[in-house]
Amino acid sequence: MKYGIAIKYSKLVMVFYLCMGFIAPPVFAASSKTDLEIIQILIKESIAAYPGVCPCPYSIMRSGRRCGKFSAHTKPGGEEPLCYDTDVTAKMIARYRSR
């Protein structure tokens, strides 16, 4: 009889936490992000995945100066990291939401 009450109590506590928002199911986490939040995430992931030092014009070289025209973003061909909001397409946002 003691275990039955404990199980009912633990289920009640879990429901309470879900209702209060303390525990967010992972399904809701990705879909609740705005497009702007997703864009920022995609840009950060893209910059982090770039193997070199200068993915974007606003990145800083080892010398302490901005990369500018030496960045991968401004050079034609090769790597194309996402640096600006305009680099992210609606298709990329949809792909992120479907993860």
PDB file of N, CA and C in Angstrom:
ATOM      1  N   MET A   1       0.811  -1.184   0.000  1.00  0.00           N
ATOM      2  CA  MET A   1       0.000   0.000   0.000  1.00  0.00           C
ATOM      3  C   MET A   1       0.862   1.259   0.000  1.00  0.00           C
ATOM      4  N   LYS A   2       2.017   1.234   0.697  1.00  0.00           N
ATOM      5  CA  LYS A   2       2.890   2.397   0.752  1.00  0.00           C
ATOM      6  C   LYS A   2       3.435   2.745  -0.629  1.00  0.00           C
ATOM      7  N   TYR A   3       3.786   1.723  -1.429  1.00  0.00           N
ATOM      8  CA  TYR A   3       4.349   1.966  -2.743  1.00  0.00           C
ATOM      9  C   TYR A   3       3.317   2.560  -3.694  1.00  0.00           C
ATOM     10  N   GLY A   4       2.072   2.167  -3.574  1.00  0.00           N
ATOM     11  CA  GLY A   4       1.008   2.704  -4.422  1.00  0.00           C
ATOM     12  C   GLY A   4       0.838   4.199  -4.226  1.00  0.00           C
ATOM     13  N   ILE A   5       0.911   4.650  -2.995  1.00  0.00           N
ATOM     14  CA  ILE A   5       0.788   6.078  -2.696  1.00  0.00           C
ATOM     15  C   ILE A   5       1.999   6.829  -3.237  1.00  0.00           C
ATOM     16  N   ALA A   6       3.188   6.231  -3.093  1.00  0.00           N
ATOM     17  CA  ALA A   6       4.414   6.871  -3.575  1.00  0.00           C
ATOM     18  C   ALA A   6       4.384   7.038  -5.094  1.00  0.00           C
ATOM     19  N   ILE A   7       3.897   6.033  -5.809  1.00  0.00           N
ATOM     20  CA  ILE A   7       3.817   6.112  -7.265  1.00  0.00           C
ATOM     21  C   ILE A   7       2.815   7.182  -7.677  1.00  0.00           C
ATOM     22  N   LYS A   8       1.658   7.209  -7.042  1.00  0.00           N
ATOM     23  CA  LYS A   8       0.660   8.232  -7.353  1.00  0.00           C
ATOM     24  C   LYS A   8       1.219   9.621  -7.062  1.00  0.00           C
ATOM     25  N   TYR A   9       1.925   9.755  -5.950  1.00  0.00           N
ATOM     26  CA  TYR A   9       2.500  11.037  -5.561  1.00  0.00           C
ATOM     27  C   TYR A   9       3.549  11.497  -6.571  1.00  0.00           C
ATOM     28  N   SER A  10       4.410  10.564  -7.020  1.00  0.00           N
ATOM     29  CA  SER A  10       5.467  10.933  -7.964  1.00  0.00           C
ATOM     30  C   SER A  10       4.869  11.327  -9.320  1.00  0.00           C
ATOM     31  N   LYS A  11       3.808  10.671  -9.734  1.00  0.00           N
ATOM     32  CA  LYS A  11       3.136  11.037 -10.985  1.00  0.00           C
ATOM     33  C   LYS A  11       2.509  12.420 -10.857  1.00  0.00           C
ATOM     34  N   LEU A  12       1.930  12.701  -9.716  1.00  0.00           N
ATOM     35  CA  LEU A  12       1.311  14.002  -9.464  1.00  0.00           C
ATOM     36  C   LEU A  12       2.368  15.111  -9.495  1.00  0.00           C
ATOM     37  N   VAL A  13       3.510  14.853  -8.900  1.00  0.00           N
ATOM     38  CA  VAL A  13       4.596  15.839  -8.892  1.00  0.00           C
ATOM     39  C   VAL A  13       5.094  16.080 -10.314  1.00  0.00           C
ATOM     40  N   MET A  14       5.243  15.012 -11.099  1.00  0.00           N
ATOM     41  CA  MET A  14       5.705  15.131 -12.477  1.00  0.00           C
ATOM     42  C   MET A  14       4.722  15.973 -13.301  1.00  0.00           C
ATOM     43  N   VAL A  15       3.441  15.724 -13.157  1.00  0.00           N
ATOM     44  CA  VAL A  15       2.424  16.498 -13.872  1.00  0.00           C
ATOM     45  C   VAL A  15       2.496  17.965 -13.448  1.00  0.00           C
ATOM     46  N   PHE A  16       2.682  18.213 -12.170  1.00  0.00           N
ATOM     47  CA  PHE A  16       2.785  19.579 -11.664  1.00  0.00           C
ATOM     48  C   PHE A  16       3.975  20.295 -12.318  1.00  0.00           C
ATOM     49  N   TYR A  17       5.142  19.631 -12.358  1.00  0.00           N
ATOM     50  CA  TYR A  17       6.326  20.244 -12.951  1.00  0.00           C
ATOM     51  C   TYR A  17       6.135  20.507 -14.445  1.00  0.00           C
ATOM     52  N   LEU A  18       5.487  19.580 -15.139  1.00  0.00           N
ATOM     53  CA  LEU A  18       5.219  19.787 -16.558  1.00  0.00           C
ATOM     54  C   LEU A  18       4.313  20.992 -16.766  1.00  0.00           C
ATOM     55  N   CYS A  19       3.295  21.104 -15.944  1.00  0.00           N
ATOM     56  CA  CYS A  19       2.360  22.223 -16.063  1.00  0.00           C
ATOM     57  C   CYS A  19       3.029  23.555 -15.737  1.00  0.00           C
ATOM     58  N   MET A  20       3.935  23.553 -14.806  1.00  0.00           N
ATOM     59  CA  MET A  20       4.603  24.788 -14.400  1.00  0.00           C
ATOM     60  C   MET A  20       5.759  25.147 -15.338  1.00  0.00           C
ATOM     61  N   GLY A  21       6.111  24.270 -16.247  1.00  0.00           N
ATOM     62  CA  GLY A  21       7.158  24.548 -17.213  1.00  0.00           C
ATOM     63  C   GLY A  21       8.564  24.236 -16.732  1.00  0.00           C
ATOM     64  N   PHE A  22       8.697  23.536 -15.628  1.00  0.00           N
ATOM     65  CA  PHE A  22      10.023  23.200 -15.122  1.00  0.00           C
ATOM     66  C   PHE A  22      10.688  22.125 -15.969  1.00  0.00           C
ATOM     67  N   ILE A  23       9.884  21.272 -16.560  1.00  0.00           N
ATOM     68  CA  ILE A  23      10.403  20.213 -17.420  1.00  0.00           C
ATOM     69  C   ILE A  23       9.787  20.425 -18.798  1.00  0.00           C
ATOM     70  N   ALA A  24      10.597  20.751 -19.775  1.00  0.00           N
ATOM     71  CA  ALA A  24      10.093  20.980 -21.125  1.00  0.00           C
ATOM     72  C   ALA A  24      10.428  19.773 -21.984  1.00  0.00           C
ATOM     73  N   PRO A  25       9.427  19.116 -22.530  1.00  0.00           N
ATOM     74  CA  PRO A  25       9.703  17.987 -23.414  1.00  0.00           C
ATOM     75  C   PRO A  25      10.521  18.461 -24.617  1.00  0.00           C
ATOM     76  N   PRO A  26      11.467  17.663 -25.103  1.00  0.00           N
ATOM     77  CA  PRO A  26      12.324  18.081 -26.199  1.00  0.00           C
ATOM     78  C   PRO A  26      11.571  18.415 -27.478  1.00  0.00           C
ATOM     79  N   VAL A  27      10.373  17.861 -27.651  1.00  0.00           N
ATOM     80  CA  VAL A  27       9.586  18.124 -28.853  1.00  0.00           C
ATOM     81  C   VAL A  27       9.240  19.601 -28.942  1.00  0.00           C
ATOM     82  N   PHE A  28       8.943  20.218 -27.817  1.00  0.00           N
ATOM     83  CA  PHE A  28       8.538  21.614 -27.816  1.00  0.00           C
ATOM     84  C   PHE A  28       9.725  22.561 -27.892  1.00  0.00           C
ATOM     85  N   ALA A  29      10.905  22.122 -27.526  1.00  0.00           N
ATOM     86  CA  ALA A  29      12.071  22.999 -27.452  1.00  0.00           C
ATOM     87  C   ALA A  29      12.451  23.559 -28.825  1.00  0.00           C
ATOM     88  N   ALA A  30      12.538  22.732 -29.847  1.00  0.00           N
ATOM     89  CA  ALA A  30      12.951  23.200 -31.168  1.00  0.00           C
ATOM     90  C   ALA A  30      11.861  24.007 -31.853  1.00  0.00           C
ATOM     91  N   SER A  31      10.609  23.626 -31.700  1.00  0.00           N
ATOM     92  CA  SER A  31       9.525  24.292 -32.403  1.00  0.00           C
ATOM     93  C   SER A  31       9.154  25.623 -31.776  1.00  0.00           C
ATOM     94  N   SER A  32       9.563  25.873 -30.536  1.00  0.00           N
ATOM     95  CA  SER A  32       9.183  27.114 -29.885  1.00  0.00           C
ATOM     96  C   SER A  32      10.163  28.240 -30.195  1.00  0.00           C
ATOM     97  N   LYS A  33      11.253  27.967 -30.886  1.00  0.00           N
ATOM     98  CA  LYS A  33      12.220  28.996 -31.227  1.00  0.00           C
ATOM     99  C   LYS A  33      11.692  29.852 -32.379  1.00  0.00           C
ATOM    100  N   THR A  34      11.991  31.139 -32.333  1.00  0.00           N
ATOM    101  CA  THR A  34      11.604  32.032 -33.420  1.00  0.00           C
ATOM    102  C   THR A  34      12.588  31.874 -34.570  1.00  0.00           C
ATOM    103  N   ASP A  35      12.209  32.404 -35.726  1.00  0.00           N
ATOM    104  CA  ASP A  35      13.098  32.345 -36.881  1.00  0.00           C
ATOM    105  C   ASP A  35      14.419  33.052 -36.581  1.00  0.00           C
ATOM    106  N   LEU A  36      14.352  34.181 -35.893  1.00  0.00           N
ATOM    107  CA  LEU A  36      15.564  34.936 -35.574  1.00  0.00           C
ATOM    108  C   LEU A  36      16.495  34.138 -34.668  1.00  0.00           C
ATOM    109  N   GLU A  37      15.933  33.429 -33.688  1.00  0.00           N
ATOM    110  CA  GLU A  37      16.750  32.577 -32.810  1.00  0.00           C
ATOM    111  C   GLU A  37      17.417  31.462 -33.605  1.00  0.00           C
ATOM    112  N   ILE A  38      16.668  30.868 -34.513  1.00  0.00           N
ATOM    113  CA  ILE A  38      17.209  29.788 -35.339  1.00  0.00           C
ATOM    114  C   ILE A  38      18.316  30.319 -36.247  1.00  0.00           C
ATOM    115  N   ILE A  39      18.117  31.505 -36.810  1.00  0.00           N
ATOM    116  CA  ILE A  39      19.139  32.116 -37.662  1.00  0.00           C
ATOM    117  C   ILE A  39      20.428  32.308 -36.878  1.00  0.00           C
ATOM    118  N   GLN A  40      20.322  32.827 -35.662  1.00  0.00           N
ATOM    119  CA  GLN A  40      21.510  33.049 -34.837  1.00  0.00           C
ATOM    120  C   GLN A  40      22.205  31.729 -34.505  1.00  0.00           C
ATOM    121  N   ILE A  41      21.432  30.691 -34.223  1.00  0.00           N
ATOM    122  CA  ILE A  41      22.002  29.376 -33.930  1.00  0.00           C
ATOM    123  C   ILE A  41      22.753  28.840 -35.151  1.00  0.00           C
ATOM    124  N   LEU A  42      22.130  28.943 -36.330  1.00  0.00           N
ATOM    125  CA  LEU A  42      22.765  28.441 -37.553  1.00  0.00           C
ATOM    126  C   LEU A  42      24.059  29.193 -37.860  1.00  0.00           C
ATOM    127  N   ILE A  43      24.072  30.506 -37.633  1.00  0.00           N
ATOM    128  CA  ILE A  43      25.277  31.288 -37.867  1.00  0.00           C
ATOM    129  C   ILE A  43      26.382  30.856 -36.899  1.00  0.00           C
ATOM    130  N   LYS A  44      26.038  30.710 -35.621  1.00  0.00           N
ATOM    131  CA  LYS A  44      27.038  30.283 -34.632  1.00  0.00           C
ATOM    132  C   LYS A  44      27.588  28.898 -34.960  1.00  0.00           C
ATOM    133  N   GLU A  45      26.711  27.964 -35.356  1.00  0.00           N
ATOM    134  CA  GLU A  45      27.155  26.616 -35.712  1.00  0.00           C
ATOM    135  C   GLU A  45      28.076  26.649 -36.931  1.00  0.00           C
ATOM    136  N   SER A  46      27.734  27.472 -37.905  1.00  0.00           N
ATOM    137  CA  SER A  46      28.525  27.567 -39.124  1.00  0.00           C
ATOM    138  C   SER A  46      29.916  28.127 -38.833  1.00  0.00           C
ATOM    139  N   ILE A  47      29.978  29.178 -38.025  1.00  0.00           N
ATOM    140  CA  ILE A  47      31.272  29.773 -37.674  1.00  0.00           C
ATOM    141  C   ILE A  47      32.111  28.790 -36.857  1.00  0.00           C
ATOM    142  N   ALA A  48      31.464  28.081 -35.934  1.00  0.00           N
ATOM    143  CA  ALA A  48      32.181  27.109 -35.105  1.00  0.00           C
ATOM    144  C   ALA A  48      32.723  25.947 -35.940  1.00  0.00           C
ATOM    145  N   ALA A  49      32.018  25.590 -37.004  1.00  0.00           N
ATOM    146  CA  ALA A  49      32.442  24.466 -37.842  1.00  0.00           C
ATOM    147  C   ALA A  49      33.535  24.856 -38.838  1.00  0.00           C
ATOM    148  N   TYR A  50      33.765  26.144 -39.013  1.00  0.00           N
ATOM    149  CA  TYR A  50      34.787  26.582 -39.972  1.00  0.00           C
ATOM    150  C   TYR A  50      36.170  26.218 -39.435  1.00  0.00           C
ATOM    151  N   PRO A  51      37.004  25.555 -40.243  1.00  0.00           N
ATOM    152  CA  PRO A  51      38.302  25.084 -39.747  1.00  0.00           C
ATOM    153  C   PRO A  51      39.375  26.170 -39.624  1.00  0.00           C
ATOM    154  N   GLY A  52      39.202  27.290 -40.309  1.00  0.00           N
ATOM    155  CA  GLY A  52      40.229  28.325 -40.304  1.00  0.00           C
ATOM    156  C   GLY A  52      39.994  29.395 -39.245  1.00  0.00           C
ATOM    157  N   VAL A  53      40.731  30.495 -39.392  1.00  0.00           N
ATOM    158  CA  VAL A  53      40.694  31.586 -38.426  1.00  0.00           C
ATOM    159  C   VAL A  53      39.706  32.678 -38.839  1.00  0.00           C
ATOM    160  N   CYS A  54      39.500  32.871 -40.124  1.00  0.00           N
ATOM    161  CA  CYS A  54      38.701  33.990 -40.623  1.00  0.00           C
ATOM    162  C   CYS A  54      37.460  33.532 -41.394  1.00  0.00           C
ATOM    163  N   PRO A  55      36.448  33.074 -40.726  1.00  0.00           N
ATOM    164  CA  PRO A  55      35.252  32.685 -41.459  1.00  0.00           C
ATOM    165  C   PRO A  55      34.467  33.902 -41.977  1.00  0.00           C
ATOM    166  N   CYS A  56      34.421  34.974 -41.186  1.00  0.00           N
ATOM    167  CA  CYS A  56      33.591  36.139 -41.509  1.00  0.00           C
ATOM    168  C   CYS A  56      34.416  37.419 -41.529  1.00  0.00           C
ATOM    169  N   PRO A  57      33.951  38.438 -42.266  1.00  0.00           N
ATOM    170  CA  PRO A  57      34.675  39.705 -42.309  1.00  0.00           C
ATOM    171  C   PRO A  57      34.843  40.351 -40.933  1.00  0.00           C
ATOM    172  N   TYR A  58      33.911  40.130 -40.043  1.00  0.00           N
ATOM    173  CA  TYR A  58      33.992  40.733 -38.706  1.00  0.00           C
ATOM    174  C   TYR A  58      34.783  39.872 -37.715  1.00  0.00           C
ATOM    175  N   SER A  59      35.261  38.708 -38.148  1.00  0.00           N
ATOM    176  CA  SER A  59      36.095  37.861 -37.291  1.00  0.00           C
ATOM    177  C   SER A  59      37.444  38.548 -37.073  1.00  0.00           C
ATOM    178  N   ILE A  60      38.136  38.132 -36.022  1.00  0.00           N
ATOM    179  CA  ILE A  60      39.410  38.738 -35.664  1.00  0.00           C
ATOM    180  C   ILE A  60      40.563  37.781 -35.988  1.00  0.00           C
ATOM    181  N   MET A  61      41.559  38.304 -36.695  1.00  0.00           N
ATOM    182  CA  MET A  61      42.756  37.520 -37.009  1.00  0.00           C
ATOM    183  C   MET A  61      43.619  37.369 -35.751  1.00  0.00           C
ATOM    184  N   ARG A  62      44.621  36.526 -35.842  1.00  0.00           N
ATOM    185  CA  ARG A  62      45.526  36.334 -34.703  1.00  0.00           C
ATOM    186  C   ARG A  62      46.275  37.624 -34.353  1.00  0.00           C
ATOM    187  N   SER A  63      46.455  38.487 -35.339  1.00  0.00           N
ATOM    188  CA  SER A  63      47.157  39.755 -35.106  1.00  0.00           C
ATOM    189  C   SER A  63      46.287  40.774 -34.373  1.00  0.00           C
ATOM    190  N   GLY A  64      44.983  40.457 -34.239  1.00  0.00           N
ATOM    191  CA  GLY A  64      44.072  41.359 -33.538  1.00  0.00           C
ATOM    192  C   GLY A  64      43.263  42.256 -34.460  1.00  0.00           C
ATOM    193  N   ARG A  65      43.515  42.183 -35.746  1.00  0.00           N
ATOM    194  CA  ARG A  65      42.764  42.990 -36.712  1.00  0.00           C
ATOM    195  C   ARG A  65      41.593  42.196 -37.260  1.00  0.00           C
ATOM    196  N   ARG A  66      40.637  42.916 -37.810  1.00  0.00           N
ATOM    197  CA  ARG A  66      39.498  42.245 -38.450  1.00  0.00           C
ATOM    198  C   ARG A  66      39.942  41.538 -39.721  1.00  0.00           C
ATOM    199  N   CYS A  67      39.251  40.438 -40.035  1.00  0.00           N
ATOM    200  CA  CYS A  67      39.601  39.662 -41.230  1.00  0.00           C
ATOM    201  C   CYS A  67      39.262  40.412 -42.514  1.00  0.00           C
ATOM    202  N   GLY A  68      38.120  41.085 -42.532  1.00  0.00           N
ATOM    203  CA  GLY A  68      37.723  41.868 -43.708  1.00  0.00           C
ATOM    204  C   GLY A  68      37.738  41.074 -44.990  1.00  0.00           C
ATOM    205  N   LYS A  69      38.481  41.589 -45.988  1.00  0.00           N
ATOM    206  CA  LYS A  69      38.506  40.956 -47.314  1.00  0.00           C
ATOM    207  C   LYS A  69      39.270  39.627 -47.330  1.00  0.00           C
ATOM    208  N   PHE A  70      39.928  39.287 -46.231  1.00  0.00           N
ATOM    209  CA  PHE A  70      40.656  38.013 -46.155  1.00  0.00           C
ATOM    210  C   PHE A  70      39.787  36.868 -45.633  1.00  0.00           C
ATOM    211  N   SER A  71      38.536  37.154 -45.307  1.00  0.00           N
ATOM    212  CA  SER A  71      37.651  36.125 -44.742  1.00  0.00           C
ATOM    213  C   SER A  71      37.160  35.167 -45.818  1.00  0.00           C
ATOM    214  N   ALA A  72      36.776  33.981 -45.400  1.00  0.00           N
ATOM    215  CA  ALA A  72      36.244  32.976 -46.324  1.00  0.00           C
ATOM    216  C   ALA A  72      34.919  33.438 -46.927  1.00  0.00           C
ATOM    217  N   HIS A  73      34.168  34.224 -46.183  1.00  0.00           N
ATOM    218  CA  HIS A  73      32.861  34.708 -46.649  1.00  0.00           C
ATOM    219  C   HIS A  73      33.008  35.613 -47.870  1.00  0.00           C
ATOM    220  N   THR A  74      34.068  36.385 -47.947  1.00  0.00           N
ATOM    221  CA  THR A  74      34.241  37.331 -49.057  1.00  0.00           C
ATOM    222  C   THR A  74      35.001  36.740 -50.237  1.00  0.00           C
ATOM    223  N   LYS A  75      35.668  35.612 -50.051  1.00  0.00           N
ATOM    224  CA  LYS A  75      36.410  34.990 -51.143  1.00  0.00           C
ATOM    225  C   LYS A  75      35.491  34.077 -51.946  1.00  0.00           C
ATOM    226  N   PRO A  76      35.514  34.179 -53.279  1.00  0.00           N
ATOM    227  CA  PRO A  76      34.669  33.304 -54.099  1.00  0.00           C
ATOM    228  C   PRO A  76      35.184  31.865 -54.089  1.00  0.00           C
ATOM    229  N   GLY A  77      34.255  30.920 -54.109  1.00  0.00           N
ATOM    230  CA  GLY A  77      34.615  29.503 -54.112  1.00  0.00           C
ATOM    231  C   GLY A  77      35.026  29.025 -52.731  1.00  0.00           C
ATOM    232  N   GLY A  78      35.205  27.754 -52.571  1.00  0.00           N
ATOM    233  CA  GLY A  78      35.626  27.195 -51.282  1.00  0.00           C
ATOM    234  C   GLY A  78      34.532  27.242 -50.234  1.00  0.00           C
ATOM    235  N   GLU A  79      34.942  27.414 -48.991  1.00  0.00           N
ATOM    236  CA  GLU A  79      34.005  27.436 -47.863  1.00  0.00           C
ATOM    237  C   GLU A  79      33.092  28.656 -47.950  1.00  0.00           C
ATOM    238  N   GLU A  80      31.850  28.465 -47.538  1.00  0.00           N
ATOM    239  CA  GLU A  80      30.897  29.570 -47.506  1.00  0.00           C
ATOM    240  C   GLU A  80      30.189  29.587 -46.149  1.00  0.00           C
ATOM    241  N   PRO A  81      30.865  30.052 -45.118  1.00  0.00           N
ATOM    242  CA  PRO A  81      30.233  30.084 -43.796  1.00  0.00           C
ATOM    243  C   PRO A  81      29.098  31.106 -43.744  1.00  0.00           C
ATOM    244  N   LEU A  82      28.130  30.835 -42.888  1.00  0.00           N
ATOM    245  CA  LEU A  82      27.034  31.775 -42.673  1.00  0.00           C
ATOM    246  C   LEU A  82      27.528  32.845 -41.701  1.00  0.00           C
ATOM    247  N   CYS A  83      27.475  34.087 -42.129  1.00  0.00           N
ATOM    248  CA  CYS A  83      27.963  35.176 -41.276  1.00  0.00           C
ATOM    249  C   CYS A  83      26.869  36.185 -40.939  1.00  0.00           C
ATOM    250  N   TYR A  84      25.909  36.346 -41.821  1.00  0.00           N
ATOM    251  CA  TYR A  84      24.866  37.358 -41.661  1.00  0.00           C
ATOM    252  C   TYR A  84      23.484  36.734 -41.764  1.00  0.00           C
ATOM    253  N   ASP A  85      22.504  37.430 -41.229  1.00  0.00           N
ATOM    254  CA  ASP A  85      21.118  36.946 -41.275  1.00  0.00           C
ATOM    255  C   ASP A  85      20.677  36.657 -42.708  1.00  0.00           C
ATOM    256  N   THR A  86      21.128  37.458 -43.635  1.00  0.00           N
ATOM    257  CA  THR A  86      20.721  37.303 -45.034  1.00  0.00           C
ATOM    258  C   THR A  86      21.321  36.054 -45.689  1.00  0.00           C
ATOM    259  N   ASP A  87      22.320  35.462 -45.076  1.00  0.00           N
ATOM    260  CA  ASP A  87      22.923  34.227 -45.607  1.00  0.00           C
ATOM    261  C   ASP A  87      22.046  33.008 -45.346  1.00  0.00           C
ATOM    262  N   VAL A  88      21.167  33.101 -44.362  1.00  0.00           N
ATOM    263  CA  VAL A  88      20.326  31.968 -43.963  1.00  0.00           C
ATOM    264  C   VAL A  88      19.035  31.999 -44.765  1.00  0.00           C
ATOM    265  N   THR A  89      18.721  30.876 -45.413  1.00  0.00           N
ATOM    266  CA  THR A  89      17.516  30.785 -46.231  1.00  0.00           C
ATOM    267  C   THR A  89      16.357  30.175 -45.440  1.00  0.00           C
ATOM    268  N   ALA A  90      15.168  30.334 -45.976  1.00  0.00           N
ATOM    269  CA  ALA A  90      13.976  29.749 -45.354  1.00  0.00           C
ATOM    270  C   ALA A  90      14.082  28.222 -45.329  1.00  0.00           C
ATOM    271  N   LYS A  91      14.732  27.657 -46.332  1.00  0.00           N
ATOM    272  CA  LYS A  91      14.919  26.203 -46.396  1.00  0.00           C
ATOM    273  C   LYS A  91      15.801  25.723 -45.241  1.00  0.00           C
ATOM    274  N   MET A  92      16.834  26.500 -44.908  1.00  0.00           N
ATOM    275  CA  MET A  92      17.720  26.143 -43.795  1.00  0.00           C
ATOM    276  C   MET A  92      16.958  26.183 -42.470  1.00  0.00           C
ATOM    277  N   ILE A  93      16.102  27.169 -42.317  1.00  0.00           N
ATOM    278  CA  ILE A  93      15.296  27.293 -41.090  1.00  0.00           C
ATOM    279  C   ILE A  93      14.356  26.105 -40.982  1.00  0.00           C
ATOM    280  N   ALA A  94      13.713  25.744 -42.100  1.00  0.00           N
ATOM    281  CA  ALA A  94      12.800  24.597 -42.089  1.00  0.00           C
ATOM    282  C   ALA A  94      13.534  23.307 -41.768  1.00  0.00           C
ATOM    283  N   ARG A  95      14.747  23.155 -42.312  1.00  0.00           N
ATOM    284  CA  ARG A  95      15.553  21.960 -42.027  1.00  0.00           C
ATOM    285  C   ARG A  95      15.921  21.891 -40.541  1.00  0.00           C
ATOM    286  N   TYR A  96      16.228  23.045 -39.949  1.00  0.00           N
ATOM    287  CA  TYR A  96      16.553  23.073 -38.526  1.00  0.00           C
ATOM    288  C   TYR A  96      15.333  22.666 -37.693  1.00  0.00           C
ATOM    289  N   ARG A  97      14.172  23.169 -38.061  1.00  0.00           N
ATOM    290  CA  ARG A  97      12.944  22.832 -37.316  1.00  0.00           C
ATOM    291  C   ARG A  97      12.615  21.345 -37.395  1.00  0.00           C
ATOM    292  N   SER A  98      13.006  20.689 -38.478  1.00  0.00           N
ATOM    293  CA  SER A  98      12.682  19.263 -38.654  1.00  0.00           C
ATOM    294  C   SER A  98      13.692  18.344 -37.993  1.00  0.00           C
ATOM    295  N   ARG A  99      14.750  18.902 -37.381  1.00  0.00           N
ATOM    296  CA  ARG A  99      15.755  18.084 -36.678  1.00  0.00           C
ATOM    297  C   ARG A  99      15.136  17.314 -35.558  1.00  0.00           C
TER     298      ARG A  99
END
